[in-house]
Amino acid sequence: MKNENLSGTRLKSDISMLDIVGNIIVWVLLSVVTFGLAMFVFLYFYNKMVINHTFVVDKEDNKIGKLSCDIGVGQAIGHGFIWFVITIVTFGFGIFFYMYKANAYVMSQTKVEMYDK
């Protein structure tokens, strides 16, 4: 792996309003069909969508890499189910911890893929 100097680089997202609206429609429908249970995996796919539309840009705003999250449905359901149980057992207070842990879980499944020059 090359040790490139990433000083001055930043992250930039190109997610569009159409992507966001489409995603919201899908999750509202899933939430209605599953009586709200789909919302326990929503955070994983919400974060994944933002991450997968994020690029590494250099000082001149050129895309030099991208973020890629490979979390799958099975992983999200497994992790979400654990937090669903914790939330029930703690009478809802576990949801506050769940929001942070879901984000941390998705971030730890994320890779930075640099483009070849």
N, C-alpha and C. Protein backbone atom coordinates (compact mmCIF):
# COMPACT_ATOMS: atom_id res chain seq x y z
N MET A 1 0.83 -1.18 0.00
CA MET A 1 0.00 0.00 0.00
C MET A 1 0.87 1.24 0.00
N LYS A 2 0.56 2.15 -0.89
CA LYS A 2 1.33 3.38 -0.98
C LYS A 2 1.03 4.29 0.21
N ASN A 3 2.03 4.97 0.69
CA ASN A 3 1.85 5.94 1.74
C ASN A 3 1.79 7.31 1.10
N GLU A 4 0.61 7.69 0.67
CA GLU A 4 0.45 8.98 -0.02
C GLU A 4 0.19 10.07 0.99
N ASN A 5 0.63 11.27 0.66
CA ASN A 5 0.38 12.43 1.50
C ASN A 5 -1.04 12.91 1.22
N LEU A 6 -1.91 12.76 2.19
CA LEU A 6 -3.30 13.18 2.02
C LEU A 6 -3.57 14.53 2.68
N SER A 7 -2.52 15.24 3.05
CA SER A 7 -2.67 16.55 3.65
C SER A 7 -3.39 17.49 2.67
N GLY A 8 -4.40 18.14 3.17
CA GLY A 8 -5.15 19.08 2.33
C GLY A 8 -6.32 18.44 1.60
N THR A 9 -6.44 17.13 1.67
CA THR A 9 -7.58 16.47 1.03
C THR A 9 -8.79 16.59 1.95
N ARG A 10 -9.96 16.42 1.36
CA ARG A 10 -11.18 16.47 2.16
C ARG A 10 -12.21 15.53 1.54
N LEU A 11 -13.30 15.37 2.22
CA LEU A 11 -14.39 14.53 1.72
C LEU A 11 -15.48 15.42 1.13
N LYS A 12 -16.07 14.95 0.04
CA LYS A 12 -17.13 15.71 -0.63
C LYS A 12 -18.19 14.72 -1.10
N SER A 13 -19.45 15.02 -0.80
CA SER A 13 -20.55 14.14 -1.19
C SER A 13 -21.26 14.70 -2.41
N ASP A 14 -21.67 13.80 -3.30
CA ASP A 14 -22.41 14.23 -4.49
C ASP A 14 -23.82 13.64 -4.51
N ILE A 15 -24.36 13.37 -3.34
CA ILE A 15 -25.70 12.78 -3.26
C ILE A 15 -26.73 13.80 -3.77
N SER A 16 -27.63 13.32 -4.59
CA SER A 16 -28.62 14.24 -5.20
C SER A 16 -29.94 14.20 -4.44
N MET A 17 -30.75 15.22 -4.65
CA MET A 17 -32.07 15.26 -4.03
C MET A 17 -32.93 14.11 -4.53
N LEU A 18 -32.78 13.73 -5.79
CA LEU A 18 -33.54 12.61 -6.34
C LEU A 18 -33.19 11.31 -5.62
N ASP A 19 -31.91 11.10 -5.34
CA ASP A 19 -31.48 9.93 -4.56
C ASP A 19 -32.12 9.93 -3.18
N ILE A 20 -32.12 11.10 -2.55
CA ILE A 20 -32.66 11.23 -1.20
C ILE A 20 -34.16 10.97 -1.18
N VAL A 21 -34.90 11.59 -2.11
CA VAL A 21 -36.35 11.41 -2.16
C VAL A 21 -36.70 9.96 -2.44
N GLY A 22 -36.01 9.33 -3.39
CA GLY A 22 -36.25 7.92 -3.69
C GLY A 22 -36.01 7.04 -2.48
N ASN A 23 -34.94 7.31 -1.75
CA ASN A 23 -34.61 6.55 -0.56
C ASN A 23 -35.67 6.74 0.53
N ILE A 24 -36.13 7.96 0.70
CA ILE A 24 -37.17 8.23 1.70
C ILE A 24 -38.45 7.47 1.37
N ILE A 25 -38.85 7.48 0.11
CA ILE A 25 -40.07 6.78 -0.31
C ILE A 25 -39.95 5.29 -0.01
N VAL A 26 -38.82 4.69 -0.35
CA VAL A 26 -38.61 3.26 -0.09
C VAL A 26 -38.71 2.97 1.40
N TRP A 27 -38.08 3.78 2.23
CA TRP A 27 -38.06 3.50 3.67
C TRP A 27 -39.40 3.79 4.33
N VAL A 28 -40.15 4.76 3.83
CA VAL A 28 -41.50 4.98 4.37
C VAL A 28 -42.37 3.76 4.06
N LEU A 29 -42.29 3.26 2.83
CA LEU A 29 -43.07 2.07 2.46
C LEU A 29 -42.66 0.86 3.29
N LEU A 30 -41.35 0.65 3.43
CA LEU A 30 -40.86 -0.48 4.25
C LEU A 30 -41.31 -0.36 5.70
N SER A 31 -41.31 0.85 6.22
CA SER A 31 -41.73 1.08 7.59
C SER A 31 -43.20 0.76 7.78
N VAL A 32 -44.04 1.15 6.83
CA VAL A 32 -45.47 0.86 6.91
C VAL A 32 -45.71 -0.65 6.82
N VAL A 33 -45.06 -1.30 5.86
CA VAL A 33 -45.26 -2.74 5.64
C VAL A 33 -44.78 -3.56 6.84
N THR A 34 -43.70 -3.13 7.49
CA THR A 34 -43.14 -3.90 8.61
C THR A 34 -43.57 -3.35 9.97
N PHE A 35 -44.56 -2.48 9.97
CA PHE A 35 -45.06 -1.87 11.21
C PHE A 35 -43.94 -1.18 12.00
N GLY A 36 -43.03 -0.55 11.30
CA GLY A 36 -41.97 0.22 11.92
C GLY A 36 -40.68 -0.54 12.21
N LEU A 37 -40.70 -1.85 12.10
CA LEU A 37 -39.50 -2.62 12.44
C LEU A 37 -38.34 -2.35 11.47
N ALA A 38 -38.64 -1.98 10.25
CA ALA A 38 -37.58 -1.67 9.28
C ALA A 38 -36.72 -0.50 9.72
N MET A 39 -37.25 0.31 10.60
CA MET A 39 -36.48 1.48 11.04
C MET A 39 -35.25 1.08 11.85
N PHE A 40 -35.22 -0.16 12.36
CA PHE A 40 -34.04 -0.61 13.09
C PHE A 40 -32.88 -0.93 12.16
N VAL A 41 -33.10 -1.05 10.88
CA VAL A 41 -32.00 -1.21 9.94
C VAL A 41 -31.84 0.02 9.04
N PHE A 42 -32.77 0.96 9.16
CA PHE A 42 -32.71 2.18 8.36
C PHE A 42 -31.40 2.92 8.53
N LEU A 43 -30.95 3.09 9.78
CA LEU A 43 -29.72 3.87 10.03
C LEU A 43 -28.51 3.30 9.30
N TYR A 44 -28.44 1.99 9.19
CA TYR A 44 -27.31 1.37 8.50
C TYR A 44 -27.30 1.76 7.02
N PHE A 45 -28.46 1.69 6.40
CA PHE A 45 -28.53 1.97 4.97
C PHE A 45 -28.55 3.47 4.66
N TYR A 46 -29.04 4.26 5.60
CA TYR A 46 -28.95 5.72 5.48
C TYR A 46 -27.48 6.13 5.45
N ASN A 47 -26.73 5.65 6.43
CA ASN A 47 -25.30 5.98 6.49
C ASN A 47 -24.55 5.41 5.29
N LYS A 48 -24.90 4.19 4.89
CA LYS A 48 -24.24 3.57 3.74
C LYS A 48 -24.46 4.39 2.48
N MET A 49 -25.67 4.90 2.29
CA MET A 49 -25.98 5.69 1.10
C MET A 49 -25.13 6.97 1.06
N VAL A 50 -25.04 7.65 2.18
CA VAL A 50 -24.23 8.88 2.23
C VAL A 50 -22.76 8.55 1.99
N ILE A 51 -22.26 7.51 2.63
CA ILE A 51 -20.86 7.13 2.47
C ILE A 51 -20.55 6.76 1.03
N ASN A 52 -21.42 5.98 0.39
CA ASN A 52 -21.16 5.54 -0.98
C ASN A 52 -21.29 6.65 -2.02
N HIS A 53 -21.76 7.81 -1.61
CA HIS A 53 -21.80 8.98 -2.49
C HIS A 53 -20.76 10.02 -2.08
N THR A 54 -19.75 9.58 -1.32
CA THR A 54 -18.72 10.50 -0.83
C THR A 54 -17.38 10.18 -1.47
N PHE A 55 -16.68 11.24 -1.86
CA PHE A 55 -15.40 11.12 -2.55
C PHE A 55 -14.31 11.84 -1.78
N VAL A 56 -13.08 11.41 -2.00
CA VAL A 56 -11.91 12.12 -1.49
C VAL A 56 -11.47 13.07 -2.59
N VAL A 57 -11.34 14.35 -2.27
CA VAL A 57 -10.92 15.33 -3.26
C VAL A 57 -9.64 16.01 -2.80
N ASP A 58 -8.81 16.39 -3.78
CA ASP A 58 -7.56 17.06 -3.46
C ASP A 58 -7.79 18.57 -3.32
N LYS A 59 -6.70 19.31 -3.17
CA LYS A 59 -6.80 20.76 -2.97
C LYS A 59 -7.45 21.48 -4.14
N GLU A 60 -7.34 20.89 -5.35
CA GLU A 60 -7.94 21.50 -6.55
C GLU A 60 -9.35 20.97 -6.81
N ASP A 61 -9.92 20.24 -5.87
CA ASP A 61 -11.28 19.69 -5.96
C ASP A 61 -11.40 18.55 -6.97
N ASN A 62 -10.29 17.90 -7.30
CA ASN A 62 -10.32 16.73 -8.18
C ASN A 62 -10.58 15.48 -7.35
N LYS A 63 -11.43 14.59 -7.85
CA LYS A 63 -11.71 13.34 -7.15
C LYS A 63 -10.49 12.43 -7.26
N ILE A 64 -9.96 12.03 -6.10
CA ILE A 64 -8.79 11.16 -6.09
C ILE A 64 -9.09 9.81 -5.43
N GLY A 65 -10.30 9.66 -4.92
CA GLY A 65 -10.69 8.42 -4.29
C GLY A 65 -12.14 8.48 -3.87
N LYS A 66 -12.61 7.39 -3.32
CA LYS A 66 -13.99 7.36 -2.86
C LYS A 66 -14.11 6.50 -1.62
N LEU A 67 -15.19 6.71 -0.88
CA LEU A 67 -15.50 5.87 0.26
C LEU A 67 -16.44 4.77 -0.21
N SER A 68 -16.28 3.59 0.33
CA SER A 68 -17.11 2.46 -0.07
C SER A 68 -17.49 1.65 1.16
N CYS A 69 -18.79 1.52 1.39
CA CYS A 69 -19.30 0.73 2.51
C CYS A 69 -19.95 -0.53 1.96
N ASP A 70 -19.52 -1.68 2.46
CA ASP A 70 -20.00 -2.96 1.94
C ASP A 70 -20.95 -3.68 2.89
N ILE A 71 -21.61 -2.97 3.78
CA ILE A 71 -22.50 -3.62 4.72
C ILE A 71 -23.68 -4.24 3.97
N GLY A 72 -24.06 -5.44 4.35
CA GLY A 72 -25.14 -6.14 3.68
C GLY A 72 -26.41 -6.18 4.53
N VAL A 73 -27.47 -6.66 3.93
CA VAL A 73 -28.76 -6.75 4.62
C VAL A 73 -28.66 -7.66 5.84
N GLY A 74 -28.00 -8.80 5.68
CA GLY A 74 -27.86 -9.74 6.81
C GLY A 74 -27.12 -9.13 7.98
N GLN A 75 -26.04 -8.41 7.69
CA GLN A 75 -25.28 -7.75 8.76
C GLN A 75 -26.13 -6.71 9.47
N ALA A 76 -26.86 -5.91 8.69
CA ALA A 76 -27.69 -4.85 9.27
C ALA A 76 -28.81 -5.45 10.12
N ILE A 77 -29.44 -6.51 9.64
CA ILE A 77 -30.52 -7.14 10.40
C ILE A 77 -29.97 -7.75 11.69
N GLY A 78 -28.85 -8.44 11.60
CA GLY A 78 -28.24 -9.05 12.79
C GLY A 78 -27.87 -8.02 13.83
N HIS A 79 -27.18 -6.99 13.42
CA HIS A 79 -26.76 -5.94 14.34
C HIS A 79 -27.96 -5.16 14.85
N GLY A 80 -28.90 -4.85 13.96
CA GLY A 80 -30.11 -4.11 14.34
C GLY A 80 -30.98 -4.89 15.31
N PHE A 81 -31.05 -6.21 15.15
CA PHE A 81 -31.87 -7.03 16.04
C PHE A 81 -31.33 -6.98 17.47
N ILE A 82 -30.02 -7.04 17.60
CA ILE A 82 -29.41 -6.95 18.94
C ILE A 82 -29.82 -5.64 19.60
N TRP A 83 -29.75 -4.55 18.85
CA TRP A 83 -30.10 -3.26 19.42
C TRP A 83 -31.60 -3.11 19.63
N PHE A 84 -32.40 -3.80 18.83
CA PHE A 84 -33.85 -3.82 19.04
C PHE A 84 -34.15 -4.45 20.41
N VAL A 85 -33.52 -5.58 20.69
CA VAL A 85 -33.72 -6.25 21.98
C VAL A 85 -33.24 -5.36 23.13
N ILE A 86 -32.07 -4.75 22.98
CA ILE A 86 -31.55 -3.86 24.02
C ILE A 86 -32.50 -2.70 24.26
N THR A 87 -33.07 -2.16 23.19
CA THR A 87 -34.01 -1.04 23.31
C THR A 87 -35.27 -1.47 24.06
N ILE A 88 -35.78 -2.66 23.78
CA ILE A 88 -36.96 -3.17 24.48
C ILE A 88 -36.65 -3.38 25.97
N VAL A 89 -35.53 -4.04 26.25
CA VAL A 89 -35.16 -4.34 27.63
C VAL A 89 -34.93 -3.07 28.45
N THR A 90 -34.42 -2.04 27.82
CA THR A 90 -34.13 -0.78 28.53
C THR A 90 -35.28 0.22 28.44
N PHE A 91 -36.45 -0.26 28.02
CA PHE A 91 -37.65 0.59 27.91
C PHE A 91 -37.42 1.80 27.02
N GLY A 92 -36.67 1.61 25.95
CA GLY A 92 -36.48 2.66 24.96
C GLY A 92 -35.20 3.46 25.10
N PHE A 93 -34.55 3.40 26.24
CA PHE A 93 -33.34 4.20 26.43
C PHE A 93 -32.16 3.70 25.60
N GLY A 94 -32.17 2.44 25.22
CA GLY A 94 -31.10 1.88 24.40
C GLY A 94 -31.02 2.52 23.03
N ILE A 95 -32.10 3.12 22.57
CA ILE A 95 -32.12 3.73 21.24
C ILE A 95 -31.08 4.85 21.13
N PHE A 96 -30.82 5.54 22.22
CA PHE A 96 -29.83 6.62 22.18
C PHE A 96 -28.43 6.06 21.91
N PHE A 97 -28.10 4.93 22.50
CA PHE A 97 -26.82 4.29 22.26
C PHE A 97 -26.78 3.65 20.88
N TYR A 98 -27.92 3.09 20.48
CA TYR A 98 -28.04 2.44 19.16
C TYR A 98 -27.67 3.38 18.03
N MET A 99 -28.13 4.62 18.10
CA MET A 99 -27.85 5.58 17.02
C MET A 99 -26.35 5.77 16.82
N TYR A 100 -25.62 5.87 17.90
CA TYR A 100 -24.16 6.03 17.82
C TYR A 100 -23.49 4.74 17.36
N LYS A 101 -23.92 3.61 17.92
CA LYS A 101 -23.28 2.34 17.59
C LYS A 101 -23.56 1.91 16.16
N ALA A 102 -24.75 2.21 15.64
CA ALA A 102 -25.06 1.89 14.25
C ALA A 102 -24.15 2.68 13.33
N ASN A 103 -23.97 3.95 13.62
CA ASN A 103 -23.08 4.79 12.81
C ASN A 103 -21.64 4.29 12.89
N ALA A 104 -21.19 3.95 14.08
CA ALA A 104 -19.83 3.44 14.26
C ALA A 104 -19.65 2.11 13.52
N TYR A 105 -20.67 1.26 13.54
CA TYR A 105 -20.59 -0.03 12.85
C TYR A 105 -20.45 0.16 11.35
N VAL A 106 -21.24 1.06 10.80
CA VAL A 106 -21.17 1.33 9.35
C VAL A 106 -19.81 1.93 8.99
N MET A 107 -19.32 2.85 9.81
CA MET A 107 -18.01 3.46 9.53
C MET A 107 -16.90 2.41 9.56
N SER A 108 -17.01 1.42 10.46
CA SER A 108 -15.96 0.41 10.51
C SER A 108 -16.05 -0.58 9.36
N GLN A 109 -17.14 -0.56 8.61
CA GLN A 109 -17.28 -1.39 7.42
C GLN A 109 -16.93 -0.60 6.14
N THR A 110 -16.40 0.61 6.31
CA THR A 110 -16.13 1.51 5.19
C THR A 110 -14.64 1.49 4.83
N LYS A 111 -14.37 1.47 3.51
CA LYS A 111 -12.99 1.53 3.02
C LYS A 111 -12.80 2.80 2.19
N VAL A 112 -11.58 3.26 2.16
CA VAL A 112 -11.21 4.37 1.28
C VAL A 112 -10.50 3.74 0.08
N GLU A 113 -11.05 3.95 -1.10
CA GLU A 113 -10.47 3.41 -2.32
C GLU A 113 -9.90 4.57 -3.14
N MET A 114 -8.57 4.62 -3.21
CA MET A 114 -7.90 5.69 -3.96
C MET A 114 -7.84 5.31 -5.43
N TYR A 115 -8.06 6.29 -6.28
CA TYR A 115 -7.98 6.06 -7.73
C TYR A 115 -6.51 5.98 -8.16
N ASP A 116 -6.24 5.22 -9.20
CA ASP A 116 -4.91 5.19 -9.77
C ASP A 116 -4.66 6.49 -10.52
N LYS A 117 -3.41 6.93 -10.48
CA LYS A 117 -3.09 8.20 -11.14
C LYS A 117 -2.90 8.00 -12.63
